[in-house]
């Protein structure tokens, strides 16, 4: 039986608890309810499997799960593409690629050229475990100096500056934990990733709470608001670019609406950053 079958059950329970019968498009079964989410029997009906089969699956006692059952569960639970992929990896760990935790990560050459060309926008390249592989100077001006091989996730949770600068910090910090859960599903043998997650869960109560929610997603495009000590409030739309050769790296670009206050401020901020001492 796969080693992380318990993780499959925990993920199914979390998604079931978070989906009401109404949201799932069905009439709730009669009788008192202990939780607002779907009952096991209700989810079994939606997925077209027996209640006993689903109970064994959620309890980690069902050794084999067919693709058709996983498809049915994904539809019944209204999973998005990232959650669906995570479900399949948990059900069959052989889908996950073996990790190489001791290998030094290098930024993808194509992403690096693209980031260099976008010197008028803040940008950075992230690798496995949220490791920062490269940043441009404008990202330093907007956020802070994040040197290569440092961790964006550790910065988000353990550096007080993250909470000071990022106005909608909770959204991005929760996204970091969801992205790590998806990565752990793909690389369950990555001991460095496991150690990082344990460090976050024990070191920050918010990280522990979001991890317990079993949310899963990739680093997603979203608005980001930053309170800069010199420029004031800056508003960005965060966009992500994946290279064609690997899914292990992502280029994150801070875009601004044309002619917006943020767009007009960025060139001035770049000039301000150029004259700041390195000890900033």
Protein backbone atom coordinates (compact mmCIF):
# COMPACT_ATOMS: atom_id res chain seq x y z
CA UNK A 1 0.00 0.00 0.00
CA UNK A 2 1.46 3.43 -0.90
CA UNK A 3 3.15 5.15 2.02
CA UNK A 4 1.16 8.38 1.71
CA UNK A 5 -2.30 6.76 1.48
CA UNK A 6 -3.08 8.51 4.77
CA UNK A 7 -2.36 11.81 3.04
CA UNK A 8 -4.89 10.90 0.37
CA UNK A 9 -7.52 10.28 3.03
CA UNK A 10 -6.70 13.53 4.82
CA UNK A 11 -6.97 15.49 1.57
CA UNK A 12 -10.33 13.93 0.71
CA UNK A 13 -11.67 14.65 4.20
CA UNK A 14 -10.56 18.28 4.04
CA UNK A 15 -12.17 18.84 0.65
CA UNK A 16 -15.34 17.00 1.71
CA UNK A 17 -15.62 19.05 4.90
CA UNK A 18 -15.30 22.25 2.88
CA UNK A 19 -18.07 21.47 0.36
CA UNK A 20 -21.72 21.74 1.38
CA UNK A 21 -24.40 19.61 -0.32
CA UNK A 22 -25.87 22.76 -1.88
CA UNK A 23 -22.50 23.76 -3.34
CA UNK A 24 -22.09 20.20 -4.62
CA UNK A 25 -25.47 20.41 -6.40
CA UNK A 26 -27.41 17.86 -4.37
CA UNK A 27 -30.14 17.71 -1.76
CA UNK A 28 -28.68 16.94 1.69
CA UNK A 29 -29.53 13.58 3.18
CA UNK A 30 -32.08 13.78 6.01
CA UNK A 31 -31.08 13.70 9.65
CA UNK A 32 -28.93 15.83 11.97
CA UNK A 33 -25.56 16.98 10.65
CA UNK A 34 -22.41 17.20 12.73
CA UNK A 35 -20.49 19.18 10.09
CA UNK A 36 -21.63 21.57 7.33
CA UNK A 37 -19.73 19.69 4.65
CA UNK A 38 -20.68 16.57 2.73
CA UNK A 39 -21.23 13.31 4.53
CA UNK A 40 -19.25 10.32 3.34
CA UNK A 41 -22.45 8.75 2.02
CA UNK A 42 -23.34 11.89 0.08
CA UNK A 43 -19.95 12.08 -1.58
CA UNK A 44 -20.10 8.37 -2.40
CA UNK A 45 -23.42 8.92 -4.20
CA UNK A 46 -22.05 11.89 -6.12
CA UNK A 47 -18.97 9.91 -7.18
CA UNK A 48 -20.94 6.75 -8.03
CA UNK A 49 -19.19 4.44 -5.57
CA UNK A 50 -20.44 2.55 -2.54
CA UNK A 51 -20.30 4.20 0.88
CA UNK A 52 -18.18 1.31 2.16
CA UNK A 53 -15.66 1.71 -0.67
CA UNK A 54 -15.36 5.44 -0.05
CA UNK A 55 -14.96 4.90 3.71
CA UNK A 56 -12.09 2.47 3.08
CA UNK A 57 -10.50 5.00 0.74
CA UNK A 58 -10.71 7.85 3.22
CA UNK A 59 -9.44 5.64 6.06
CA UNK A 60 -6.43 4.49 4.02
CA UNK A 61 -7.64 0.89 3.76
CA UNK A 62 -8.28 0.83 0.00
CA UNK A 63 -5.09 -0.34 -1.74
CA UNK A 64 -6.05 0.36 -5.36
CA UNK A 65 -7.98 3.28 -6.80
CA UNK A 66 -8.87 3.43 -10.49
CA UNK A 67 -8.49 6.52 -12.62
CA UNK A 68 -12.23 6.59 -13.27
CA UNK A 69 -12.94 6.72 -9.52
CA UNK A 70 -10.42 9.53 -9.07
CA UNK A 71 -12.03 11.41 -11.96
CA UNK A 72 -15.44 10.96 -10.36
CA UNK A 73 -14.20 12.15 -6.95
CA UNK A 74 -12.53 15.18 -8.51
CA UNK A 75 -15.78 16.14 -10.25
CA UNK A 76 -17.89 15.53 -7.14
CA UNK A 77 -15.56 17.62 -4.97
CA UNK A 78 -15.38 20.40 -7.58
CA UNK A 79 -11.58 20.26 -7.62
CA UNK A 80 -9.67 22.68 -9.82
CA UNK A 81 -6.83 21.51 -12.10
CA UNK A 82 -4.12 21.87 -9.45
CA UNK A 83 -6.17 20.07 -6.78
CA UNK A 84 -7.06 17.31 -9.24
CA UNK A 85 -3.40 16.74 -10.13
CA UNK A 86 -2.58 16.62 -6.42
CA UNK A 87 -5.30 14.02 -5.87
CA UNK A 88 -3.85 11.77 -8.58
CA UNK A 89 -0.31 12.08 -7.20
CA UNK A 90 -1.48 11.16 -3.69
CA UNK A 91 -3.36 8.14 -5.06
CA UNK A 92 -0.36 6.96 -7.07
CA UNK A 93 2.99 8.23 -5.74
CA UNK A 94 4.81 6.72 -8.73
CA UNK A 95 3.48 9.71 -10.70
CA UNK A 96 5.80 11.92 -8.65
CA UNK A 97 9.30 12.42 -9.94
CA UNK A 98 12.12 11.45 -7.61
CA UNK A 99 13.64 14.41 -5.87
CA UNK A 100 17.30 15.31 -5.97
CA UNK A 101 17.45 17.35 -2.78
CA UNK A 102 21.21 17.87 -2.76
CA UNK A 103 21.41 19.22 -6.33
CA UNK A 104 22.18 22.95 -6.61
CA UNK A 105 19.43 24.67 -8.54
CA UNK A 106 20.36 26.93 -11.43
CA UNK A 107 17.98 29.42 -13.07
CA UNK A 108 16.61 28.38 -16.43
CA UNK A 109 18.55 30.24 -19.13
CA UNK A 110 15.42 31.30 -21.02
CA UNK A 111 13.73 32.63 -17.89
CA UNK A 112 16.92 34.46 -16.94
CA UNK A 113 17.09 36.20 -20.34
CA UNK A 114 13.43 37.15 -20.08
CA UNK A 115 13.87 38.54 -16.57
CA UNK A 116 16.88 40.55 -17.70
CA UNK A 117 14.88 42.04 -20.56
CA UNK A 118 12.14 43.08 -18.14
CA UNK A 119 14.35 45.45 -16.18
CA UNK A 120 11.50 48.02 -16.04
CA UNK A 121 9.39 45.66 -13.89
CA UNK A 122 10.21 43.88 -10.63
CA UNK A 123 10.80 40.18 -11.27
CA UNK A 124 12.31 37.06 -9.71
CA UNK A 125 12.81 33.39 -10.55
CA UNK A 126 11.69 30.77 -8.05
CA UNK A 127 12.84 27.17 -7.98
CA UNK A 128 11.98 24.15 -5.86
CA UNK A 129 10.86 24.76 -2.25
CA UNK A 130 10.36 28.47 -2.99
CA UNK A 131 14.12 28.95 -3.39
CA UNK A 132 15.06 32.26 -4.99
CA UNK A 133 17.25 31.63 -8.03
CA UNK A 134 17.52 35.18 -9.39
CA UNK A 135 16.08 38.68 -8.91
CA UNK A 136 16.40 41.95 -10.76
CA UNK A 137 17.32 45.30 -9.23
CA UNK A 138 13.78 46.69 -9.33
CA UNK A 139 12.51 43.78 -7.24
CA UNK A 140 15.13 44.75 -4.65
CA UNK A 141 13.92 48.34 -4.75
CA UNK A 142 10.27 47.40 -4.32
CA UNK A 143 10.56 44.62 -1.73
CA UNK A 144 14.06 44.03 -0.39
CA UNK A 145 17.32 42.30 -1.28
CA UNK A 146 16.53 38.60 -1.69
CA UNK A 147 19.84 36.95 -2.63
CA UNK A 148 20.03 33.75 -4.69
CA UNK A 149 19.68 30.54 -2.67
CA UNK A 150 17.62 32.32 -0.02
CA UNK A 151 14.03 31.23 0.59
CA UNK A 152 11.00 33.29 -0.39
CA UNK A 153 8.88 31.16 1.95
CA UNK A 154 11.16 31.80 4.95
CA UNK A 155 11.11 35.50 4.10
CA UNK A 156 7.30 35.49 4.03
CA UNK A 157 6.95 33.88 7.46
CA UNK A 158 10.09 34.71 9.43
CA UNK A 159 11.14 38.18 8.25
CA UNK A 160 9.05 40.93 9.92
CA UNK A 161 9.61 43.09 6.85
CA UNK A 162 7.30 40.83 4.82
CA UNK A 163 4.33 41.63 7.03
CA UNK A 164 5.29 45.32 7.04
CA UNK A 165 5.68 45.66 3.28
CA UNK A 166 3.02 43.31 1.88
CA UNK A 167 -0.40 44.74 2.70
CA UNK A 168 -2.29 41.59 1.63
CA UNK A 169 0.31 39.38 3.31
CA UNK A 170 -2.14 36.69 4.45
CA UNK A 171 -3.19 35.85 0.90
CA UNK A 172 0.37 35.38 -0.32
CA UNK A 173 1.56 33.54 2.77
CA UNK A 174 -1.35 31.10 2.53
CA UNK A 175 -0.55 30.61 -1.17
CA UNK A 176 3.03 29.70 -0.22
CA UNK A 177 1.79 26.91 2.06
CA UNK A 178 -0.62 25.63 -0.60
CA UNK A 179 2.17 25.61 -3.17
CA UNK A 180 4.43 23.66 -0.80
CA UNK A 181 1.69 21.06 -0.28
CA UNK A 182 1.38 20.58 -4.03
CA UNK A 183 5.15 20.27 -4.31
CA UNK A 184 5.27 17.71 -1.50
CA UNK A 185 2.71 15.62 -3.37
CA UNK A 186 5.01 15.61 -6.41
CA UNK A 187 8.20 15.06 -4.39
CA UNK A 188 7.36 13.13 -1.20
CA UNK A 189 10.98 11.97 -0.81
CA UNK A 190 12.48 15.48 -0.77
CA UNK A 191 13.90 15.60 2.75
CA UNK A 192 14.77 19.30 2.48
CA UNK A 193 11.19 20.10 1.54
CA UNK A 194 9.85 18.06 4.47
CA UNK A 195 12.26 19.84 6.83
CA UNK A 196 11.17 23.25 5.50
CA UNK A 197 7.49 22.44 6.03
CA UNK A 198 8.16 21.21 9.56
CA UNK A 199 10.13 24.39 10.28
CA UNK A 200 7.23 26.55 9.08
CA UNK A 201 4.57 24.57 10.96
CA UNK A 202 6.44 24.68 14.25
CA UNK A 203 7.69 28.25 13.84
CA UNK A 204 4.54 30.09 12.79
CA UNK A 205 0.92 29.45 13.90
CA UNK A 206 -0.51 30.82 10.64
CA UNK A 207 1.62 28.37 8.64
CA UNK A 208 0.43 25.51 10.85
CA UNK A 209 -3.21 26.54 10.40
CA UNK A 210 -3.00 26.85 6.63
CA UNK A 211 -1.15 23.53 6.36
CA UNK A 212 -3.92 21.84 8.33
CA UNK A 213 -6.47 23.14 5.79
CA UNK A 214 -4.94 20.86 3.09
CA UNK A 215 -5.24 23.59 0.48
CA UNK A 216 -3.19 23.02 -2.65
CA UNK A 217 -2.34 25.33 -5.55
CA UNK A 218 0.58 26.61 -7.56
CA UNK A 219 2.13 30.04 -7.20
CA UNK A 220 -0.78 31.90 -8.73
CA UNK A 221 -1.31 35.22 -10.50
CA UNK A 222 -2.93 37.69 -8.12
CA UNK A 223 -2.97 41.37 -7.11
CA UNK A 224 -0.26 42.39 -4.65
CA UNK A 225 -0.17 45.58 -2.64
CA UNK A 226 3.09 46.78 -1.13
CA UNK A 227 3.63 49.63 1.32
CA UNK A 228 7.01 51.11 0.40
CA UNK A 229 8.76 53.35 2.96
CA UNK A 230 9.61 55.95 0.30
CA UNK A 231 7.11 55.48 -2.56
CA UNK A 232 4.04 54.74 -0.45
CA UNK A 233 1.47 52.17 -1.55
CA UNK A 234 2.24 50.28 -4.77
CA UNK A 235 -0.28 48.06 -6.57
CA UNK A 236 0.82 45.20 -8.81
CA UNK A 237 -0.72 42.31 -10.69
CA UNK A 238 1.56 39.31 -10.18
CA UNK A 239 1.97 37.17 -13.30
CA UNK A 240 3.79 33.84 -13.55
CA UNK A 241 5.65 32.36 -16.52
CA UNK A 242 6.64 28.68 -16.76
CA UNK A 243 9.46 27.59 -19.08
CA UNK A 244 8.69 24.86 -21.63
CA UNK A 245 11.46 22.53 -20.41
CA UNK A 246 10.65 22.25 -16.70
CA UNK A 247 7.82 22.72 -14.23
CA UNK A 248 10.28 23.18 -11.36
CA UNK A 249 10.90 26.89 -11.96
CA UNK A 250 8.69 29.92 -12.44
CA UNK A 251 9.33 33.53 -13.40
CA UNK A 252 7.26 35.91 -11.27
CA UNK A 253 6.68 39.37 -12.74
CA UNK A 254 5.20 42.37 -10.91
CA UNK A 255 3.16 44.17 -13.58
CA UNK A 256 1.48 47.56 -13.20
CA UNK A 257 -1.45 49.11 -15.03
CA UNK A 258 -0.25 51.59 -17.73
CA UNK A 259 -0.22 55.22 -16.53
CA UNK A 260 -1.10 54.14 -12.99
CA UNK A 261 0.61 55.79 -10.00
CA UNK A 262 2.64 52.63 -9.54
CA UNK A 263 3.79 52.59 -13.18
CA UNK A 264 4.87 56.24 -12.91
CA UNK A 265 6.70 55.57 -9.65
CA UNK A 266 8.75 52.57 -10.77
CA UNK A 267 11.39 54.52 -12.78
CA UNK A 268 11.87 56.89 -9.85
CA UNK A 269 12.16 53.94 -7.49
CA UNK A 270 14.80 52.36 -9.71
CA UNK A 271 16.84 55.59 -9.54
CA UNK A 272 16.38 55.78 -5.77
CA UNK A 273 17.54 52.18 -5.38
CA UNK A 274 20.68 52.85 -7.42
CA UNK A 275 21.97 55.38 -4.89
CA UNK A 276 21.13 53.44 -1.72
CA UNK A 277 24.00 51.88 0.24
CA UNK A 278 24.38 48.14 0.10
CA UNK A 279 23.70 47.96 3.83
CA UNK A 280 20.14 49.14 3.22
